[in-house]
Amino acid sequence: MNKENIAIGLLIIGGLLVIFNQFQISDTNDLILLNRVGSNSQTGINLATGIATASALDILPKGIPDVYGKELGISYDNININDQKKANDVIGKLSLLENSINLDSNQLQRYIQITGSISCEYCCGVQAITFSDGSPACGCAHSGAMRGLAKYLVTEHPEMKDMDILNELGKWKTLFFPGALNAKASILKSQGIGLDYVNLASNKYRGVEQGNVQGSTVGGC
């Protein structure tokens, strides 16, 4: 075998190794949203993250949340514009978790990464629902509910990946602001962007729907 053939063989082997390594780390890279989420992501269960239909007219999650719904006694169906009292009761229940749960240093780091990648921009204009130290950045009830749920899942279900937890926060945010996020879903769909709840509700595509926001807010800010 001449030197040229050896060199070609080594290049082929090197290329295969690069492809293998990229496959191995792809899940980790997916978790690094906005250069924040995922550096402490846990390996664990995989939740359904996509919206069941690609139609922008049907983006609301339904039923009892997997993993934690029965534990907390809550259902996505409780957040309904036709019953604001029931919606506020659920929002209040989730908000109470924020101040009743203490985080250790590792849990706090995960919490900051997750909550730093989602905002409550339809109530307040802050960049995320927490500051960089994990303290609340917005005083609205919707933000408190998302922070409370994030704390609960980080502490009680550490097997969940950061992306899965962010996806759950996105589901509740979609329920809180159905009109605005329906408009956003239409735009994402028109641009060929997948309609999962991270794309729809996190800061990843924040502002893409500006000028097209419509509809009501469920639950009081």
N, C-alpha and C. Protein backbone atom coordinates (compact mmCIF):
# COMPACT_ATOMS: atom_id res chain seq x y z
N MET A 1 0.86 -1.20 0.00
CA MET A 1 0.00 0.00 0.00
C MET A 1 0.89 1.24 0.00
N ASN A 2 0.67 2.14 -0.94
CA ASN A 2 1.51 3.32 -1.01
C ASN A 2 1.05 4.37 -0.01
N LYS A 3 1.86 5.42 0.14
CA LYS A 3 1.58 6.45 1.12
C LYS A 3 0.27 7.18 0.83
N GLU A 4 -0.02 7.35 -0.46
CA GLU A 4 -1.25 8.07 -0.83
C GLU A 4 -2.49 7.30 -0.35
N ASN A 5 -2.49 5.98 -0.53
CA ASN A 5 -3.62 5.17 -0.09
C ASN A 5 -3.76 5.17 1.43
N ILE A 6 -2.60 5.15 2.11
CA ILE A 6 -2.62 5.21 3.58
C ILE A 6 -3.23 6.52 4.05
N ALA A 7 -2.83 7.61 3.41
CA ALA A 7 -3.36 8.93 3.80
C ALA A 7 -4.86 9.00 3.59
N ILE A 8 -5.32 8.45 2.45
CA ILE A 8 -6.76 8.46 2.18
C ILE A 8 -7.50 7.64 3.22
N GLY A 9 -6.94 6.49 3.59
CA GLY A 9 -7.57 5.64 4.60
C GLY A 9 -7.68 6.33 5.94
N LEU A 10 -6.60 7.04 6.33
CA LEU A 10 -6.62 7.76 7.59
C LEU A 10 -7.66 8.88 7.58
N LEU A 11 -7.81 9.56 6.45
CA LEU A 11 -8.81 10.62 6.34
C LEU A 11 -10.22 10.06 6.49
N ILE A 12 -10.47 8.91 5.89
CA ILE A 12 -11.79 8.28 5.98
C ILE A 12 -12.10 7.91 7.43
N ILE A 13 -11.11 7.30 8.11
CA ILE A 13 -11.30 6.91 9.50
C ILE A 13 -11.56 8.13 10.37
N GLY A 14 -10.77 9.21 10.12
CA GLY A 14 -10.95 10.44 10.89
C GLY A 14 -12.33 11.02 10.69
N GLY A 15 -12.82 10.98 9.45
CA GLY A 15 -14.15 11.50 9.16
C GLY A 15 -15.23 10.73 9.89
N LEU A 16 -15.10 9.40 9.92
CA LEU A 16 -16.08 8.58 10.63
C LEU A 16 -16.09 8.87 12.12
N LEU A 17 -14.91 9.10 12.69
CA LEU A 17 -14.83 9.42 14.12
C LEU A 17 -15.50 10.76 14.42
N VAL A 18 -15.32 11.73 13.54
CA VAL A 18 -15.95 13.04 13.73
C VAL A 18 -17.47 12.90 13.71
N ILE A 19 -18.00 12.14 12.74
CA ILE A 19 -19.44 11.94 12.63
C ILE A 19 -19.98 11.25 13.88
N PHE A 20 -19.25 10.25 14.36
CA PHE A 20 -19.68 9.54 15.56
C PHE A 20 -19.73 10.47 16.77
N ASN A 21 -18.68 11.28 16.94
CA ASN A 21 -18.64 12.21 18.07
C ASN A 21 -19.75 13.24 18.00
N GLN A 22 -20.05 13.72 16.80
CA GLN A 22 -21.12 14.69 16.66
C GLN A 22 -22.46 14.07 17.04
N PHE A 23 -22.65 12.82 16.68
CA PHE A 23 -23.89 12.13 17.05
C PHE A 23 -23.99 12.00 18.56
N GLN A 24 -22.89 11.67 19.21
CA GLN A 24 -22.88 11.47 20.65
C GLN A 24 -23.23 12.73 21.41
N ILE A 25 -22.77 13.90 20.92
CA ILE A 25 -22.97 15.13 21.68
C ILE A 25 -24.16 15.94 21.18
N SER A 26 -24.89 15.44 20.20
CA SER A 26 -25.97 16.24 19.63
C SER A 26 -27.05 16.54 20.65
N ASP A 27 -27.36 15.58 21.53
CA ASP A 27 -28.39 15.81 22.52
C ASP A 27 -27.97 16.91 23.50
N THR A 28 -26.69 16.92 23.87
CA THR A 28 -26.18 17.97 24.76
C THR A 28 -26.26 19.33 24.11
N ASN A 29 -25.88 19.40 22.84
CA ASN A 29 -25.94 20.68 22.14
C ASN A 29 -27.36 21.20 22.03
N ASP A 30 -28.32 20.28 21.86
CA ASP A 30 -29.72 20.70 21.78
C ASP A 30 -30.18 21.38 23.05
N LEU A 31 -29.53 21.06 24.18
CA LEU A 31 -29.96 21.62 25.45
C LEU A 31 -29.40 23.00 25.70
N ILE A 32 -28.42 23.43 24.95
CA ILE A 32 -27.79 24.72 25.21
C ILE A 32 -28.57 25.79 24.47
N LEU A 33 -29.69 26.20 25.04
CA LEU A 33 -30.53 27.22 24.44
C LEU A 33 -30.01 28.59 24.85
N LEU A 34 -29.83 29.46 23.86
CA LEU A 34 -29.40 30.82 24.13
C LEU A 34 -28.12 30.86 24.95
N ASN A 35 -27.28 29.83 24.77
CA ASN A 35 -26.02 29.69 25.50
C ASN A 35 -26.21 29.57 27.00
N ARG A 36 -27.42 29.12 27.43
CA ARG A 36 -27.66 29.03 28.86
C ARG A 36 -28.16 27.66 29.28
N VAL A 37 -29.17 27.13 28.64
CA VAL A 37 -29.78 25.90 29.12
C VAL A 37 -28.95 24.69 28.73
N GLY A 38 -28.75 23.76 29.65
CA GLY A 38 -28.27 22.45 29.28
C GLY A 38 -26.91 22.04 29.78
N SER A 39 -26.09 22.93 30.33
CA SER A 39 -24.75 22.51 30.72
C SER A 39 -24.79 21.52 31.87
N ASN A 40 -25.89 21.52 32.65
CA ASN A 40 -26.04 20.56 33.72
C ASN A 40 -27.20 19.61 33.46
N SER A 41 -27.53 19.42 32.21
CA SER A 41 -28.68 18.59 31.87
C SER A 41 -28.50 17.17 32.40
N GLN A 42 -29.62 16.61 32.91
CA GLN A 42 -29.58 15.26 33.45
C GLN A 42 -30.05 14.26 32.40
N THR A 43 -29.51 13.07 32.45
CA THR A 43 -29.99 11.99 31.60
C THR A 43 -31.18 11.37 32.30
N GLY A 44 -32.30 11.17 31.59
CA GLY A 44 -33.47 10.62 32.24
C GLY A 44 -34.57 10.36 31.25
N ILE A 45 -35.81 10.49 31.75
CA ILE A 45 -36.96 10.17 30.92
C ILE A 45 -37.07 11.16 29.78
N ASN A 46 -37.68 10.73 28.70
CA ASN A 46 -37.95 11.60 27.57
C ASN A 46 -39.44 11.85 27.49
N LEU A 47 -39.82 13.13 27.51
CA LEU A 47 -41.22 13.49 27.42
C LEU A 47 -41.56 13.84 25.98
N ALA A 48 -42.84 13.74 25.65
CA ALA A 48 -43.29 14.18 24.34
C ALA A 48 -43.23 15.70 24.31
N THR A 49 -42.39 16.25 23.45
CA THR A 49 -42.18 17.69 23.44
C THR A 49 -42.87 18.39 22.30
N GLY A 50 -43.31 17.65 21.29
CA GLY A 50 -43.92 18.28 20.14
C GLY A 50 -45.39 18.57 20.33
N ILE A 51 -45.92 19.50 19.57
CA ILE A 51 -47.34 19.78 19.56
C ILE A 51 -48.01 18.74 18.69
N ALA A 52 -49.11 18.19 19.16
CA ALA A 52 -49.72 17.03 18.52
C ALA A 52 -50.07 17.27 17.07
N THR A 53 -50.50 18.46 16.75
CA THR A 53 -50.85 18.79 15.38
C THR A 53 -49.99 19.95 14.92
N ALA A 54 -49.68 19.99 13.66
CA ALA A 54 -48.88 21.08 13.12
C ALA A 54 -49.72 22.32 12.90
N SER A 55 -51.03 22.22 13.11
CA SER A 55 -51.90 23.37 12.91
C SER A 55 -51.67 24.41 13.99
N ALA A 56 -51.48 25.64 13.58
CA ALA A 56 -51.29 26.72 14.54
C ALA A 56 -52.57 27.05 15.27
N LEU A 57 -53.68 26.46 14.86
CA LEU A 57 -54.96 26.73 15.50
C LEU A 57 -55.22 25.81 16.67
N ASP A 58 -54.36 24.85 16.92
CA ASP A 58 -54.57 23.89 17.99
C ASP A 58 -53.26 23.61 18.71
N ILE A 59 -52.81 24.58 19.46
CA ILE A 59 -51.49 24.49 20.09
C ILE A 59 -51.56 24.22 21.58
N LEU A 60 -52.76 24.20 22.15
CA LEU A 60 -52.87 24.12 23.60
C LEU A 60 -52.72 22.68 24.09
N PRO A 61 -51.87 22.48 25.11
CA PRO A 61 -51.77 21.14 25.70
C PRO A 61 -53.06 20.79 26.43
N LYS A 62 -53.37 19.52 26.52
CA LYS A 62 -54.63 19.09 27.11
C LYS A 62 -54.40 17.91 28.06
N GLY A 63 -55.28 17.80 29.05
CA GLY A 63 -55.23 16.68 29.97
C GLY A 63 -54.32 16.91 31.16
N ILE A 64 -54.00 15.82 31.84
CA ILE A 64 -53.17 15.88 33.04
C ILE A 64 -51.71 15.72 32.65
N PRO A 65 -50.83 16.63 33.11
CA PRO A 65 -49.41 16.52 32.76
C PRO A 65 -48.81 15.19 33.21
N ASP A 66 -48.02 14.59 32.33
CA ASP A 66 -47.28 13.40 32.72
C ASP A 66 -46.32 13.75 33.85
N VAL A 67 -45.96 12.78 34.63
CA VAL A 67 -44.94 12.87 35.68
C VAL A 67 -45.46 13.58 36.92
N TYR A 68 -45.95 14.82 36.79
CA TYR A 68 -46.24 15.63 37.97
C TYR A 68 -47.69 16.05 38.12
N GLY A 69 -48.53 15.84 37.12
CA GLY A 69 -49.90 16.33 37.16
C GLY A 69 -50.70 15.78 38.33
N LYS A 70 -50.67 14.46 38.51
CA LYS A 70 -51.42 13.85 39.60
C LYS A 70 -50.81 14.22 40.95
N GLU A 71 -49.49 14.35 40.99
CA GLU A 71 -48.82 14.70 42.25
C GLU A 71 -49.30 16.06 42.77
N LEU A 72 -49.46 17.00 41.86
CA LEU A 72 -49.84 18.36 42.23
C LEU A 72 -51.35 18.60 42.13
N GLY A 73 -52.06 17.64 41.56
CA GLY A 73 -53.50 17.79 41.43
C GLY A 73 -53.90 18.87 40.45
N ILE A 74 -53.19 18.95 39.31
CA ILE A 74 -53.47 19.99 38.33
C ILE A 74 -53.64 19.39 36.94
N SER A 75 -54.32 20.14 36.10
CA SER A 75 -54.55 19.72 34.72
C SER A 75 -54.39 20.93 33.81
N TYR A 76 -53.87 20.69 32.62
CA TYR A 76 -53.80 21.77 31.64
C TYR A 76 -55.20 22.33 31.37
N ASP A 77 -56.19 21.49 31.47
CA ASP A 77 -57.56 21.90 31.16
C ASP A 77 -58.10 22.92 32.16
N ASN A 78 -57.45 23.04 33.32
CA ASN A 78 -57.89 24.03 34.30
C ASN A 78 -57.63 25.46 33.87
N ILE A 79 -56.71 25.64 32.93
CA ILE A 79 -56.39 26.99 32.45
C ILE A 79 -57.27 27.25 31.23
N ASN A 80 -58.38 27.93 31.49
CA ASN A 80 -59.39 28.13 30.46
C ASN A 80 -59.90 29.56 30.55
N ILE A 81 -59.95 30.23 29.41
CA ILE A 81 -60.38 31.63 29.41
C ILE A 81 -61.82 31.79 29.88
N ASN A 82 -62.59 30.71 29.81
CA ASN A 82 -63.98 30.77 30.23
C ASN A 82 -64.17 30.57 31.72
N ASP A 83 -63.09 30.28 32.43
CA ASP A 83 -63.16 30.10 33.89
C ASP A 83 -61.88 30.67 34.50
N GLN A 84 -61.86 31.99 34.61
CA GLN A 84 -60.66 32.66 35.10
C GLN A 84 -60.38 32.32 36.56
N LYS A 85 -61.42 32.06 37.35
CA LYS A 85 -61.20 31.72 38.76
C LYS A 85 -60.43 30.41 38.88
N LYS A 86 -60.86 29.40 38.14
CA LYS A 86 -60.17 28.11 38.18
C LYS A 86 -58.72 28.26 37.68
N ALA A 87 -58.56 29.08 36.64
CA ALA A 87 -57.21 29.32 36.12
C ALA A 87 -56.33 29.97 37.18
N ASN A 88 -56.87 30.97 37.86
CA ASN A 88 -56.08 31.66 38.89
C ASN A 88 -55.78 30.74 40.06
N ASP A 89 -56.69 29.81 40.36
CA ASP A 89 -56.43 28.86 41.45
C ASP A 89 -55.21 27.98 41.12
N VAL A 90 -55.13 27.50 39.88
CA VAL A 90 -54.00 26.66 39.48
C VAL A 90 -52.72 27.48 39.45
N ILE A 91 -52.80 28.68 38.90
CA ILE A 91 -51.63 29.56 38.86
C ILE A 91 -51.14 29.83 40.28
N GLY A 92 -52.08 30.06 41.19
CA GLY A 92 -51.70 30.30 42.58
C GLY A 92 -51.04 29.09 43.22
N LYS A 93 -51.55 27.90 42.92
CA LYS A 93 -50.97 26.67 43.47
C LYS A 93 -49.53 26.49 43.00
N LEU A 94 -49.29 26.74 41.72
CA LEU A 94 -47.92 26.62 41.19
C LEU A 94 -47.02 27.70 41.75
N SER A 95 -47.57 28.90 41.93
CA SER A 95 -46.77 30.01 42.45
C SER A 95 -46.30 29.75 43.87
N LEU A 96 -47.13 29.08 44.68
CA LEU A 96 -46.77 28.80 46.06
C LEU A 96 -45.52 27.93 46.16
N LEU A 97 -45.27 27.12 45.14
CA LEU A 97 -44.11 26.25 45.16
C LEU A 97 -42.80 27.04 45.14
N GLU A 98 -42.85 28.24 44.56
CA GLU A 98 -41.62 29.03 44.42
C GLU A 98 -40.98 29.33 45.76
N ASN A 99 -41.80 29.72 46.72
CA ASN A 99 -41.26 30.13 48.03
C ASN A 99 -41.18 28.98 49.03
N SER A 100 -41.74 27.83 48.68
CA SER A 100 -41.74 26.71 49.63
C SER A 100 -40.63 25.70 49.35
N ILE A 101 -39.88 25.90 48.27
CA ILE A 101 -38.84 24.94 47.88
C ILE A 101 -37.47 25.62 47.93
N ASN A 102 -36.53 25.02 48.62
CA ASN A 102 -35.16 25.51 48.66
C ASN A 102 -34.28 24.65 47.75
N LEU A 103 -33.35 25.30 47.08
CA LEU A 103 -32.48 24.62 46.13
C LEU A 103 -31.06 24.55 46.65
N ASP A 104 -30.39 23.42 46.42
CA ASP A 104 -28.96 23.37 46.72
C ASP A 104 -28.21 24.00 45.54
N SER A 105 -26.91 24.04 45.61
CA SER A 105 -26.14 24.78 44.60
C SER A 105 -26.29 24.18 43.20
N ASN A 106 -26.29 22.86 43.11
CA ASN A 106 -26.45 22.22 41.80
C ASN A 106 -27.85 22.43 41.24
N GLN A 107 -28.84 22.30 42.11
CA GLN A 107 -30.21 22.53 41.67
C GLN A 107 -30.42 23.98 41.24
N LEU A 108 -29.80 24.90 41.98
CA LEU A 108 -29.92 26.31 41.64
C LEU A 108 -29.34 26.60 40.26
N GLN A 109 -28.21 25.98 39.95
CA GLN A 109 -27.59 26.19 38.65
C GLN A 109 -28.51 25.73 37.53
N ARG A 110 -29.10 24.56 37.69
CA ARG A 110 -30.05 24.07 36.69
C ARG A 110 -31.25 25.02 36.58
N TYR A 111 -31.76 25.43 37.72
CA TYR A 111 -32.93 26.31 37.77
C TYR A 111 -32.65 27.62 37.03
N ILE A 112 -31.48 28.19 37.25
CA ILE A 112 -31.11 29.45 36.59
C ILE A 112 -31.02 29.25 35.08
N GLN A 113 -30.44 28.15 34.66
CA GLN A 113 -30.30 27.89 33.22
C GLN A 113 -31.65 27.74 32.54
N ILE A 114 -32.57 27.06 33.22
CA ILE A 114 -33.89 26.82 32.64
C ILE A 114 -34.71 28.10 32.63
N THR A 115 -34.86 28.72 33.79
CA THR A 115 -35.72 29.91 33.88
C THR A 115 -35.12 31.11 33.18
N GLY A 116 -33.82 31.08 32.95
CA GLY A 116 -33.18 32.17 32.21
C GLY A 116 -33.44 32.12 30.73
N SER A 117 -34.12 31.08 30.26
CA SER A 117 -34.39 30.91 28.84
C SER A 117 -35.86 31.06 28.49
N ILE A 118 -36.65 31.57 29.42
CA ILE A 118 -38.06 31.81 29.14
C ILE A 118 -38.48 33.09 29.85
N SER A 119 -39.36 33.83 29.23
CA SER A 119 -39.78 35.11 29.81
C SER A 119 -41.30 35.16 29.89
N CYS A 120 -41.81 36.24 30.44
CA CYS A 120 -43.24 36.48 30.54
C CYS A 120 -43.51 37.82 29.85
N GLU A 121 -43.06 37.91 28.60
CA GLU A 121 -43.02 39.19 27.91
C GLU A 121 -44.37 39.82 27.64
N TYR A 122 -45.44 39.04 27.74
CA TYR A 122 -46.76 39.61 27.50
C TYR A 122 -47.34 40.27 28.74
N CYS A 123 -46.71 40.03 29.90
CA CYS A 123 -47.07 40.72 31.13
C CYS A 123 -46.05 41.82 31.45
N CYS A 124 -44.78 41.48 31.31
CA CYS A 124 -43.72 42.43 31.63
C CYS A 124 -42.59 42.28 30.62
N GLY A 125 -41.75 43.26 30.54
CA GLY A 125 -40.76 43.29 29.46
C GLY A 125 -39.39 42.75 29.82
N VAL A 126 -39.26 42.06 30.95
CA VAL A 126 -37.95 41.55 31.35
C VAL A 126 -37.49 40.46 30.39
N GLN A 127 -36.18 40.22 30.38
CA GLN A 127 -35.60 39.28 29.44
C GLN A 127 -35.84 37.82 29.82
N ALA A 128 -36.08 37.56 31.09
CA ALA A 128 -36.33 36.20 31.56
C ALA A 128 -37.09 36.29 32.88
N ILE A 129 -37.64 35.17 33.34
CA ILE A 129 -38.42 35.20 34.58
C ILE A 129 -37.53 35.21 35.81
N THR A 130 -36.21 35.01 35.64
CA THR A 130 -35.26 35.17 36.74
C THR A 130 -34.07 35.99 36.27
N PHE A 131 -33.41 36.60 37.24
CA PHE A 131 -32.13 37.24 36.97
C PHE A 131 -31.02 36.18 36.96
N SER A 132 -29.81 36.61 36.68
CA SER A 132 -28.70 35.67 36.55
C SER A 132 -28.35 34.96 37.85
N ASP A 133 -28.82 35.49 38.98
CA ASP A 133 -28.57 34.82 40.27
C ASP A 133 -29.73 33.93 40.70
N GLY A 134 -30.77 33.86 39.87
CA GLY A 134 -31.91 33.02 40.18
C GLY A 134 -33.04 33.72 40.90
N SER A 135 -32.85 34.98 41.25
CA SER A 135 -33.92 35.72 41.92
C SER A 135 -35.00 36.12 40.93
N PRO A 136 -36.23 36.32 41.39
CA PRO A 136 -37.34 36.64 40.48
C PRO A 136 -37.09 37.96 39.73
N ALA A 137 -37.33 37.92 38.43
CA ALA A 137 -37.14 39.12 37.61
C ALA A 137 -38.46 39.77 37.26
N CYS A 138 -39.56 39.09 37.55
CA CYS A 138 -40.88 39.60 37.21
C CYS A 138 -41.84 39.20 38.31
N GLY A 139 -42.68 40.13 38.75
CA GLY A 139 -43.57 39.86 39.86
C GLY A 139 -44.94 39.35 39.47
N CYS A 140 -45.18 39.11 38.19
CA CYS A 140 -46.51 38.68 37.77
C CYS A 140 -46.77 37.24 38.19
N ALA A 141 -48.05 36.90 38.30
CA ALA A 141 -48.44 35.56 38.75
C ALA A 141 -48.01 34.48 37.77
N HIS A 142 -48.06 34.78 36.47
CA HIS A 142 -47.66 33.79 35.47
C HIS A 142 -46.20 33.40 35.65
N SER A 143 -45.34 34.39 35.87
CA SER A 143 -43.91 34.11 36.08
C SER A 143 -43.71 33.29 37.34
N GLY A 144 -44.43 33.64 38.42
CA GLY A 144 -44.32 32.90 39.66
C GLY A 144 -44.71 31.44 39.49
N ALA A 145 -45.74 31.20 38.67
CA ALA A 145 -46.18 29.83 38.43
C ALA A 145 -45.10 29.04 37.68
N MET A 146 -44.49 29.66 36.69
CA MET A 146 -43.44 28.97 35.94
C MET A 146 -42.22 28.72 36.81
N ARG A 147 -41.86 29.70 37.64
CA ARG A 147 -40.71 29.51 38.54
C ARG A 147 -41.00 28.40 39.56
N GLY A 148 -42.23 28.40 40.09
CA GLY A 148 -42.59 27.37 41.06
C GLY A 148 -42.53 25.97 40.47
N LEU A 149 -43.05 25.82 39.26
CA LEU A 149 -43.01 24.51 38.62
C LEU A 149 -41.57 24.10 38.33
N ALA A 150 -40.74 25.05 37.89
CA ALA A 150 -39.34 24.73 37.61
C ALA A 150 -38.64 24.23 38.87
N LYS A 151 -38.87 24.88 40.00
CA LYS A 151 -38.26 24.44 41.26
C LYS A 151 -38.74 23.04 41.64
N TYR A 152 -40.02 22.82 41.47
CA TYR A 152 -40.58 21.51 41.83
C TYR A 152 -39.96 20.40 40.99
N LEU A 153 -39.87 20.61 39.69
CA LEU A 153 -39.36 19.57 38.81
C LEU A 153 -37.85 19.35 39.00
N VAL A 154 -37.12 20.41 39.26
CA VAL A 154 -35.67 20.28 39.49
C VAL A 154 -35.40 19.48 40.76
N THR A 155 -36.23 19.69 41.78
CA THR A 155 -35.98 19.02 43.06
C THR A 155 -36.65 17.65 43.15
N GLU A 156 -37.88 17.54 42.66
CA GLU A 156 -38.63 16.30 42.83
C GLU A 156 -38.46 15.33 41.66
N HIS A 157 -38.04 15.84 40.53
CA HIS A 157 -37.86 14.97 39.35
C HIS A 157 -36.53 15.32 38.66
N PRO A 158 -35.42 15.10 39.37
CA PRO A 158 -34.11 15.44 38.80
C PRO A 158 -33.76 14.59 37.58
N GLU A 159 -34.50 13.49 37.35
CA GLU A 159 -34.25 12.67 36.17
C GLU A 159 -34.68 13.36 34.89
N MET A 160 -35.49 14.39 35.00
CA MET A 160 -35.93 15.12 33.81
C MET A 160 -34.79 15.98 33.27
N LYS A 161 -34.66 16.03 31.98
CA LYS A 161 -33.66 16.88 31.35
C LYS A 161 -34.08 18.34 31.44
N ASP A 162 -33.11 19.23 31.36
CA ASP A 162 -33.41 20.66 31.37
C ASP A 162 -34.38 21.02 30.26
N MET A 163 -34.17 20.44 29.08
CA MET A 163 -35.04 20.74 27.94
C MET A 163 -36.46 20.29 28.21
N ASP A 164 -36.64 19.15 28.89
CA ASP A 164 -37.97 18.67 29.21
C ASP A 164 -38.68 19.61 30.17
N ILE A 165 -37.93 20.12 31.14
CA ILE A 165 -38.53 21.04 32.11
C ILE A 165 -38.90 22.35 31.41
N LEU A 166 -38.01 22.85 30.57
CA LEU A 166 -38.31 24.07 29.83
C LEU A 166 -39.53 23.86 28.94
N ASN A 167 -39.65 22.69 28.37
CA ASN A 167 -40.80 22.36 27.54
C ASN A 167 -42.09 22.43 28.35
N GLU A 168 -42.04 21.94 29.60
CA GLU A 168 -43.22 22.00 30.45
C GLU A 168 -43.58 23.45 30.79
N LEU A 169 -42.59 24.27 31.08
CA LEU A 169 -42.88 25.69 31.34
C LEU A 169 -43.53 26.32 30.11
N GLY A 170 -43.03 25.93 28.94
CA GLY A 170 -43.58 26.45 27.70
C GLY A 170 -45.04 26.07 27.50
N LYS A 171 -45.42 24.87 27.93
CA LYS A 171 -46.82 24.45 27.81
C LYS A 171 -47.72 25.36 28.64
N TRP A 172 -47.31 25.65 29.87
CA TRP A 172 -48.13 26.50 30.72
C TRP A 172 -48.17 27.93 30.20
N LYS A 173 -47.05 28.41 29.69
CA LYS A 173 -47.04 29.76 29.12
C LYS A 173 -47.99 29.84 27.93
N THR A 174 -48.04 28.79 27.13
CA THR A 174 -48.96 28.75 25.98
C THR A 174 -50.40 28.83 26.46
N LEU A 175 -50.70 28.17 27.58
CA LEU A 175 -52.04 28.24 28.14
C LEU A 175 -52.35 29.63 28.70
N PHE A 176 -51.33 30.28 29.28
CA PHE A 176 -51.54 31.61 29.85
C PHE A 176 -51.81 32.67 28.77
N PHE A 177 -51.14 32.51 27.62
CA PHE A 177 -51.22 33.52 26.56
C PHE A 177 -51.59 32.87 25.22
N PRO A 178 -52.76 32.27 25.13
CA PRO A 178 -53.11 31.51 23.93
C PRO A 178 -53.20 32.34 22.66
N GLY A 179 -53.69 33.57 22.76
CA GLY A 179 -53.81 34.39 21.57
C GLY A 179 -52.46 34.78 20.99
N ALA A 180 -51.58 35.25 21.86
CA ALA A 180 -50.26 35.69 21.41
C ALA A 180 -49.46 34.53 20.84
N LEU A 181 -49.52 33.39 21.51
CA LEU A 181 -48.72 32.26 21.06
C LEU A 181 -49.35 31.53 19.87
N ASN A 182 -50.63 31.70 19.67
CA ASN A 182 -51.24 31.19 18.44
C ASN A 182 -50.72 31.99 17.24
N ALA A 183 -50.61 33.32 17.43
CA ALA A 183 -50.07 34.16 16.37
C ALA A 183 -48.61 33.79 16.09
N LYS A 184 -47.87 33.54 17.17
CA LYS A 184 -46.46 33.16 17.01
C LYS A 184 -46.35 31.81 16.32
N ALA A 185 -47.23 30.87 16.67
CA ALA A 185 -47.20 29.56 16.03
C ALA A 185 -47.43 29.66 14.53
N SER A 186 -48.35 30.55 14.14
CA SER A 186 -48.62 30.73 12.71
C SER A 186 -47.37 31.19 11.97
N ILE A 187 -46.63 32.11 12.60
CA ILE A 187 -45.43 32.65 11.97
C ILE A 187 -44.33 31.58 11.92
N LEU A 188 -44.13 30.87 13.01
CA LEU A 188 -43.12 29.81 13.02
C LEU A 188 -43.44 28.75 11.97
N LYS A 189 -44.71 28.39 11.88
CA LYS A 189 -45.11 27.39 10.90
C LYS A 189 -44.83 27.88 9.48
N SER A 190 -45.12 29.17 9.22
CA SER A 190 -44.90 29.71 7.88
C SER A 190 -43.43 29.74 7.50
N GLN A 191 -42.56 29.76 8.52
CA GLN A 191 -41.11 29.78 8.29
C GLN A 191 -40.50 28.38 8.34
N GLY A 192 -41.36 27.37 8.47
CA GLY A 192 -40.86 26.00 8.49
C GLY A 192 -40.20 25.59 9.79
N ILE A 193 -40.51 26.29 10.87
CA ILE A 193 -39.91 25.99 12.18
C ILE A 193 -40.84 25.06 12.94
N GLY A 194 -40.30 24.00 13.52
CA GLY A 194 -41.10 23.01 14.22
C GLY A 194 -41.85 23.60 15.39
N LEU A 195 -43.09 23.15 15.58
CA LEU A 195 -43.93 23.68 16.65
C LEU A 195 -43.83 22.83 17.91
N ASP A 196 -42.68 22.84 18.57
CA ASP A 196 -42.62 22.29 19.92
C ASP A 196 -42.71 23.46 20.89
N TYR A 197 -42.89 23.15 22.17
CA TYR A 197 -43.15 24.22 23.13
C TYR A 197 -41.91 25.02 23.52
N VAL A 198 -40.74 24.50 23.24
CA VAL A 198 -39.52 25.28 23.45
C VAL A 198 -39.42 26.36 22.37
N ASN A 199 -39.59 25.96 21.12
CA ASN A 199 -39.57 26.93 20.03
C ASN A 199 -40.67 27.97 20.19
N LEU A 200 -41.83 27.51 20.64
CA LEU A 200 -42.99 28.38 20.70
C LEU A 200 -42.94 29.36 21.86
N ALA A 201 -42.50 28.91 23.04
CA ALA A 201 -42.68 29.73 24.23
C ALA A 201 -41.40 30.21 24.91
N SER A 202 -40.25 29.63 24.59
CA SER A 202 -39.02 30.09 25.22
C SER A 202 -38.53 31.36 24.52
N ASN A 203 -37.37 31.83 24.95
CA ASN A 203 -36.79 33.03 24.34
C ASN A 203 -36.14 32.77 22.99
N LYS A 204 -36.17 31.53 22.54
CA LYS A 204 -35.46 31.16 21.32
C LYS A 204 -35.91 31.99 20.11
N TYR A 205 -37.22 32.18 20.00
CA TYR A 205 -37.75 32.99 18.89
C TYR A 205 -38.58 34.15 19.43
N ARG A 206 -38.16 34.69 20.55
CA ARG A 206 -38.91 35.78 21.17
C ARG A 206 -39.02 36.96 20.22
N GLY A 207 -40.21 37.51 20.12
CA GLY A 207 -40.44 38.72 19.34
C GLY A 207 -40.79 38.49 17.90
N VAL A 208 -40.73 37.24 17.42
CA VAL A 208 -41.00 36.98 16.01
C VAL A 208 -42.44 37.34 15.65
N GLU A 209 -43.33 37.35 16.66
CA GLU A 209 -44.73 37.62 16.40
C GLU A 209 -45.12 39.08 16.61
N GLN A 210 -44.16 39.96 16.85
CA GLN A 210 -44.47 41.36 17.11
C GLN A 210 -45.33 41.96 16.01
N GLY A 211 -46.38 42.66 16.44
CA GLY A 211 -47.30 43.25 15.48
C GLY A 211 -48.44 42.34 15.10
N ASN A 212 -48.37 41.07 15.56
CA ASN A 212 -49.42 40.11 15.21
C ASN A 212 -50.09 39.51 16.45
N VAL A 213 -49.79 40.06 17.63
CA VAL A 213 -50.33 39.51 18.86
C VAL A 213 -51.83 39.81 18.95
N GLN A 214 -52.59 38.79 19.33
CA GLN A 214 -54.02 38.97 19.45
C GLN A 214 -54.55 38.03 20.51
N GLY A 215 -55.78 38.29 20.97
CA GLY A 215 -56.41 37.38 21.91
C GLY A 215 -56.20 37.81 23.36
N SER A 216 -56.76 37.03 24.26
CA SER A 216 -56.80 37.37 25.67
C SER A 216 -55.76 36.60 26.47
N THR A 217 -55.50 37.10 27.68
CA THR A 217 -54.63 36.43 28.64
C THR A 217 -55.48 35.63 29.60
N VAL A 218 -55.07 34.42 29.94
CA VAL A 218 -55.80 33.60 30.88
C VAL A 218 -55.12 33.69 32.23
N GLY A 219 -55.88 34.08 33.24
CA GLY A 219 -55.30 34.29 34.56
C GLY A 219 -54.76 35.71 34.67
N GLY A 220 -54.77 36.23 35.88
CA GLY A 220 -54.31 37.61 36.06
C GLY A 220 -52.82 37.71 36.14
N CYS A 221 -52.30 38.78 35.56
CA CYS A 221 -50.86 39.06 35.69
C CYS A 221 -50.55 39.61 37.06
